[in-house]
């Protein structure tokens, strides 16, 4: 009796192979268990080296992203270069609120110094200054932002200003912000700046103001390498964060979260993406490694990412940091 040979059609064999490989592909992307639950309207986590998506939720929802769009502003400034150029502050640069460095018109600073302050402090007047300096006007700089975003594949975004303050017809998505963040992350000028925790900013009159980075996730977690915070009343709390461990680099974008969750959630999802065990800590305590107090020269309207209102009672909808 002869055994019969069963010939499986090629399409079925291909389907079977794909089904067999699917779990392996998923494991290759995450290398561990399901991601932790994080709060936010939109979330995207990518491999910073390859661009592969490791996790996403509502990645293409168009929404305001607040000051996280300063990543695009800083990328354009860094790519143009000439960072030693002295930039003279003009009165129009101060037409903004509430987070500012209160730079006086007529004074000047190197472009690189302003770029550093932009990413560490998230000062809206600095963003306007750089945009005007690079393009001649805020409107022209917005055109450059939109062209550069399109070049990066961020085609579901539209930017109107360099600082992320509320504006009609200004929006992006978590997927687009991940693409922009990946470009900023790979920029050799920006990477070390985004890792600065405290910056002694020297004003033109010689006064030094110690600036604390608005990114609490970066300040408090050794594996977080930086990126950018953002907040307005409409955008809610946003954070683009990057992490690195054992040769692996990842980027997490969380949009539309809360003050209570944004930094801890970003830390947790970075740990997951880096295959680090979730850290179990006792009740949080205030860090004792802060620099000594320095008299602030910022406006009473200044607001950091952790503030729900500016100190002068300005509308939350104007806050962007």
Protein backbone atom coordinates (compact mmCIF):
# COMPACT_ATOMS: atom_id res chain seq x y z
CA UNK A 1 0.00 0.00 0.00
CA UNK A 2 1.47 3.27 -1.09
CA UNK A 3 1.28 6.30 1.18
CA UNK A 4 -0.39 9.27 -0.48
CA UNK A 5 1.38 12.59 -0.72
CA UNK A 6 -0.71 15.57 0.35
CA UNK A 7 0.20 18.73 -1.52
CA UNK A 8 -0.72 21.91 0.33
CA UNK A 9 -1.50 24.84 -1.99
CA UNK A 10 1.10 27.61 -1.93
CA UNK A 11 -1.25 30.34 -0.58
CA UNK A 12 -2.18 28.15 2.40
CA UNK A 13 1.47 27.43 3.13
CA UNK A 14 2.28 31.13 3.06
CA UNK A 15 -0.63 31.90 5.40
CA UNK A 16 0.47 29.18 7.80
CA UNK A 17 4.00 30.56 7.84
CA UNK A 18 2.77 34.06 8.57
CA UNK A 19 0.57 32.83 11.41
CA UNK A 20 3.52 30.94 12.86
CA UNK A 21 5.79 33.98 12.61
CA UNK A 22 3.28 36.50 14.01
CA UNK A 23 3.95 35.74 17.70
CA UNK A 24 7.68 35.94 17.03
CA UNK A 25 7.28 39.34 15.38
CA UNK A 26 5.29 40.62 18.35
CA UNK A 27 7.90 39.34 20.77
CA UNK A 28 10.66 40.95 18.71
CA UNK A 29 8.87 44.28 18.99
CA UNK A 30 8.31 44.23 22.73
CA UNK A 31 10.54 41.47 24.09
CA UNK A 32 8.33 41.22 27.16
CA UNK A 33 4.83 41.42 28.58
CA UNK A 34 2.00 43.72 27.60
CA UNK A 35 2.60 47.44 28.15
CA UNK A 36 1.47 49.07 31.38
CA UNK A 37 -1.79 50.97 31.41
CA UNK A 38 -1.16 54.66 30.83
CA UNK A 39 -3.57 57.57 30.84
CA UNK A 40 -3.81 59.75 27.75
CA UNK A 41 -5.91 60.46 24.69
CA UNK A 42 -3.16 59.27 22.34
CA UNK A 43 -0.05 57.17 22.96
CA UNK A 44 2.73 55.98 20.65
CA UNK A 45 5.96 54.19 21.57
CA UNK A 46 8.63 53.61 18.93
CA UNK A 47 12.11 52.19 18.59
CA UNK A 48 14.24 55.31 18.14
CA UNK A 49 16.74 53.51 15.90
CA UNK A 50 14.42 51.75 13.46
CA UNK A 51 11.22 53.74 13.84
CA UNK A 52 9.26 50.54 14.48
CA UNK A 53 6.06 51.05 16.48
CA UNK A 54 6.14 49.11 19.75
CA UNK A 55 2.76 50.27 21.03
CA UNK A 56 0.08 52.73 19.97
CA UNK A 57 -3.38 53.94 20.95
CA UNK A 58 -5.27 56.53 18.89
CA UNK A 59 -2.04 57.40 17.06
CA UNK A 60 -3.69 59.44 14.30
CA UNK A 61 -6.12 61.55 16.35
CA UNK A 62 -5.55 65.21 15.50
CA UNK A 63 -5.22 67.34 18.61
CA UNK A 64 -3.20 70.25 20.07
CA UNK A 65 0.17 69.15 21.39
CA UNK A 66 1.23 72.32 23.26
CA UNK A 67 4.97 72.83 23.78
CA UNK A 68 5.96 69.39 22.56
CA UNK A 69 5.98 71.02 19.11
CA UNK A 70 9.02 72.99 20.29
CA UNK A 71 10.90 69.82 19.32
CA UNK A 72 10.24 70.78 15.71
CA UNK A 73 11.17 74.41 16.40
CA UNK A 74 14.46 73.35 17.98
CA UNK A 75 15.19 70.86 15.20
CA UNK A 76 14.84 73.58 12.54
CA UNK A 77 17.09 75.95 14.51
CA UNK A 78 19.71 73.24 15.08
CA UNK A 79 19.69 72.19 11.43
CA UNK A 80 20.17 75.77 10.26
CA UNK A 81 23.24 76.02 12.49
CA UNK A 82 25.20 79.24 13.01
CA UNK A 83 24.64 78.77 16.75
CA UNK A 84 27.29 81.35 17.67
CA UNK A 85 25.32 84.11 15.95
CA UNK A 86 24.27 86.92 18.30
CA UNK A 87 20.48 87.29 18.26
CA UNK A 88 19.14 90.70 19.29
CA UNK A 89 15.89 90.60 21.26
CA UNK A 90 13.15 92.73 19.69
CA UNK A 91 9.95 94.07 21.33
CA UNK A 92 7.78 91.76 19.22
CA UNK A 93 9.53 88.73 20.72
CA UNK A 94 7.99 89.57 24.11
CA UNK A 95 4.40 89.46 22.83
CA UNK A 96 3.66 86.19 24.58
CA UNK A 97 2.81 84.61 27.95
CA UNK A 98 2.96 83.01 30.46
CA UNK A 99 6.24 81.04 30.57
CA UNK A 100 8.98 83.46 29.61
CA UNK A 101 12.56 84.38 30.45
CA UNK A 102 11.68 88.08 30.21
CA UNK A 103 14.49 88.89 27.85
CA UNK A 104 14.87 92.64 27.44
CA UNK A 105 14.61 94.14 23.95
CA UNK A 106 17.96 95.41 22.76
CA UNK A 107 19.97 92.75 24.58
CA UNK A 108 21.56 89.90 22.63
CA UNK A 109 22.36 86.22 23.16
CA UNK A 110 24.05 83.54 21.08
CA UNK A 111 21.51 81.50 19.12
CA UNK A 112 22.82 78.32 20.77
CA UNK A 113 22.23 79.77 24.24
CA UNK A 114 18.62 80.54 23.34
CA UNK A 115 18.17 77.08 21.83
CA UNK A 116 19.34 75.50 25.08
CA UNK A 117 17.00 77.65 27.17
CA UNK A 118 14.12 76.77 24.86
CA UNK A 119 14.42 73.04 25.51
CA UNK A 120 15.21 73.27 29.22
CA UNK A 121 12.82 76.02 30.33
CA UNK A 122 10.29 75.92 27.46
CA UNK A 123 10.18 79.71 27.37
CA UNK A 124 7.63 81.01 24.90
CA UNK A 125 9.42 84.31 24.30
CA UNK A 126 12.57 82.38 23.38
CA UNK A 127 10.59 80.32 20.86
CA UNK A 128 9.26 83.51 19.25
CA UNK A 129 12.74 85.02 19.19
CA UNK A 130 14.26 82.00 17.46
CA UNK A 131 11.42 81.68 14.98
CA UNK A 132 11.63 85.35 14.04
CA UNK A 133 15.42 85.20 13.83
CA UNK A 134 15.45 82.16 11.56
CA UNK A 135 12.61 83.10 9.22
CA UNK A 136 12.02 86.82 9.60
CA UNK A 137 8.54 86.42 11.06
CA UNK A 138 6.44 83.92 13.02
CA UNK A 139 4.28 83.27 9.95
CA UNK A 140 7.27 82.46 7.77
CA UNK A 141 8.70 80.19 10.46
CA UNK A 142 5.37 78.32 10.66
CA UNK A 143 5.66 77.67 6.91
CA UNK A 144 9.12 76.21 7.49
CA UNK A 145 7.74 74.05 10.32
CA UNK A 146 5.04 72.62 8.09
CA UNK A 147 7.44 71.88 5.25
CA UNK A 148 9.95 70.19 7.58
CA UNK A 149 7.19 68.15 9.23
CA UNK A 150 6.02 66.95 5.81
CA UNK A 151 9.61 65.98 4.94
CA UNK A 152 9.64 63.80 8.06
CA UNK A 153 6.37 62.11 7.10
CA UNK A 154 4.34 64.04 9.66
CA UNK A 155 1.59 64.79 7.17
CA UNK A 156 -1.33 64.96 9.63
CA UNK A 157 -0.01 68.08 11.36
CA UNK A 158 -0.35 71.81 10.89
CA UNK A 159 1.63 74.37 12.88
CA UNK A 160 0.92 78.08 13.28
CA UNK A 161 3.52 79.22 15.82
CA UNK A 162 6.87 78.02 17.22
CA UNK A 163 5.83 77.72 20.87
CA UNK A 164 2.63 75.64 20.92
CA UNK A 165 0.38 78.27 22.46
CA UNK A 166 -3.26 77.83 21.41
CA UNK A 167 -3.99 78.90 17.83
CA UNK A 168 -6.74 78.12 15.39
CA UNK A 169 -5.93 75.32 12.93
CA UNK A 170 -2.87 74.14 14.88
CA UNK A 171 -2.67 70.43 15.60
CA UNK A 172 -0.64 67.25 15.31
CA UNK A 173 -0.95 63.57 16.21
CA UNK A 174 0.97 61.18 18.45
CA UNK A 175 2.23 59.33 15.36
CA UNK A 176 3.48 62.55 13.77
CA UNK A 177 5.09 63.74 16.99
CA UNK A 178 6.93 60.42 17.23
CA UNK A 179 8.41 61.04 13.77
CA UNK A 180 9.42 64.58 14.68
CA UNK A 181 10.85 63.39 17.99
CA UNK A 182 12.88 60.70 16.28
CA UNK A 183 14.52 63.32 14.06
CA UNK A 184 15.25 65.54 17.06
CA UNK A 185 16.58 62.55 19.01
CA UNK A 186 19.07 61.77 16.25
CA UNK A 187 20.32 65.36 16.05
CA UNK A 188 23.77 65.65 17.63
CA UNK A 189 23.17 69.23 18.76
CA UNK A 190 19.85 68.59 20.49
CA UNK A 191 20.51 65.28 22.28
CA UNK A 192 22.89 66.63 24.96
CA UNK A 193 20.71 69.72 25.48
CA UNK A 194 17.61 67.65 26.21
CA UNK A 195 19.50 65.77 28.93
CA UNK A 196 20.31 68.95 30.90
CA UNK A 197 18.55 68.88 34.27
CA UNK A 198 19.60 72.30 35.58
CA UNK A 199 20.90 75.19 33.50
CA UNK A 200 22.55 78.35 34.87
CA UNK A 201 21.23 80.92 32.40
CA UNK A 202 23.26 84.13 32.29
CA UNK A 203 21.36 87.29 31.38
CA UNK A 204 22.96 90.10 29.40
CA UNK A 205 23.39 92.13 32.61
CA UNK A 206 25.39 89.29 34.20
CA UNK A 207 22.62 88.01 36.46
CA UNK A 208 22.45 84.20 36.57
CA UNK A 209 19.16 82.35 36.91
CA UNK A 210 19.15 78.60 37.61
CA UNK A 211 16.65 76.95 35.26
CA UNK A 212 15.17 73.55 36.12
CA UNK A 213 14.20 71.29 33.23
CA UNK A 214 10.41 70.94 32.99
CA UNK A 215 10.77 67.22 32.23
CA UNK A 216 10.31 65.53 35.60
CA UNK A 217 10.54 62.06 34.04
CA UNK A 218 14.03 62.85 32.82
CA UNK A 219 15.08 64.49 36.07
CA UNK A 220 14.05 61.52 38.21
CA UNK A 221 14.77 58.43 36.08
CA UNK A 222 18.28 57.45 35.05
CA UNK A 223 17.18 55.71 31.85
CA UNK A 224 15.23 58.72 30.52
CA UNK A 225 17.42 60.77 28.19
CA UNK A 226 15.17 63.78 27.66
CA UNK A 227 12.77 65.28 25.04
CA UNK A 228 9.91 67.74 25.71
CA UNK A 229 6.95 68.61 27.91
CA UNK A 230 3.77 70.44 26.93
CA UNK A 231 0.62 71.78 28.55
CA UNK A 232 -2.38 73.92 27.68
CA UNK A 233 -5.90 73.62 28.95
CA UNK A 234 -7.08 72.24 25.62
CA UNK A 235 -4.10 69.96 24.95
CA UNK A 236 -3.91 68.86 28.60
CA UNK A 237 -0.63 67.39 29.81
CA UNK A 238 1.66 66.05 27.09
CA UNK A 239 5.13 64.57 27.14
CA UNK A 240 7.51 63.22 24.54
CA UNK A 241 10.21 61.24 26.35
CA UNK A 242 13.17 59.15 25.28
CA UNK A 243 14.96 56.33 27.06
CA UNK A 244 18.07 54.24 26.63
CA UNK A 245 19.34 50.99 28.14
CA UNK A 246 21.74 48.28 27.03
CA UNK A 247 22.07 49.65 23.51
CA UNK A 248 18.36 50.06 22.95
CA UNK A 249 16.76 53.49 22.46
CA UNK A 250 13.04 54.23 22.52
CA UNK A 251 10.70 57.22 22.33
CA UNK A 252 7.30 57.52 24.02
CA UNK A 253 4.64 60.09 23.12
CA UNK A 254 1.73 60.66 25.51
CA UNK A 255 -0.82 63.34 24.62
CA UNK A 256 -3.86 64.50 26.57
CA UNK A 257 -2.99 63.11 29.99
CA UNK A 258 -3.20 64.56 33.51
CA UNK A 259 -0.80 66.33 35.82
CA UNK A 260 -0.96 63.41 38.23
CA UNK A 261 -0.13 60.73 35.65
CA UNK A 262 1.94 62.19 32.83
CA UNK A 263 5.43 61.83 34.33
CA UNK A 264 4.92 58.52 36.13
CA UNK A 265 3.17 56.97 33.13
CA UNK A 266 5.95 58.10 30.81
CA UNK A 267 8.53 56.55 33.11
CA UNK A 268 6.60 53.28 33.28
CA UNK A 269 6.11 52.90 29.56
CA UNK A 270 9.76 53.72 28.89
CA UNK A 271 10.75 50.98 31.34
CA UNK A 272 8.46 48.58 29.49
CA UNK A 273 9.85 49.50 26.08
CA UNK A 274 13.41 49.11 27.37
CA UNK A 275 12.59 45.71 28.93
CA UNK A 276 13.43 46.99 32.40
CA UNK A 277 11.50 45.53 35.35
CA UNK A 278 8.87 47.88 36.71
CA UNK A 279 10.31 49.70 39.69
CA UNK A 280 8.45 49.44 42.97
CA UNK A 281 9.06 52.44 45.21
CA UNK A 282 7.77 53.59 48.58
CA UNK A 283 5.79 56.81 48.79
CA UNK A 284 7.59 59.47 46.76
CA UNK A 285 9.78 61.95 48.58
CA UNK A 286 11.06 65.33 47.54
CA UNK A 287 14.51 65.09 46.02
CA UNK A 288 17.25 66.58 48.19
CA UNK A 289 19.67 67.05 45.30
CA UNK A 290 18.30 70.36 44.04
CA UNK A 291 20.57 73.35 43.51
CA UNK A 292 20.48 76.26 45.91
CA UNK A 293 17.81 78.89 45.32
CA UNK A 294 18.63 81.69 42.96
CA UNK A 295 16.63 84.86 42.59
CA UNK A 296 14.33 84.41 39.59
CA UNK A 297 14.12 87.05 36.95
CA UNK A 298 11.17 85.48 35.19
CA UNK A 299 7.75 87.07 34.94
CA UNK A 300 5.21 86.47 37.67
CA UNK A 301 3.18 84.87 34.90
CA UNK A 302 5.76 82.14 34.41
CA UNK A 303 4.42 78.64 34.62
CA UNK A 304 6.11 75.25 34.58
CA UNK A 305 4.68 71.99 33.28
CA UNK A 306 3.55 70.95 36.73
CA UNK A 307 1.50 74.08 37.32
CA UNK A 308 -2.18 74.04 36.58
CA UNK A 309 -2.35 77.85 36.62
CA UNK A 310 0.16 80.64 36.23
CA UNK A 311 1.00 82.53 39.40
CA UNK A 312 -0.75 85.68 38.20
CA UNK A 313 -3.99 83.86 37.49
CA UNK A 314 -3.58 83.91 33.71
CA UNK A 315 -5.93 81.66 31.79
CA UNK A 316 -4.76 78.06 31.66
CA UNK A 317 -5.54 77.98 27.97
CA UNK A 318 -2.54 80.25 27.37
CA UNK A 319 -0.03 78.13 29.27
CA UNK A 320 2.46 76.20 27.16
CA UNK A 321 5.58 74.69 28.65
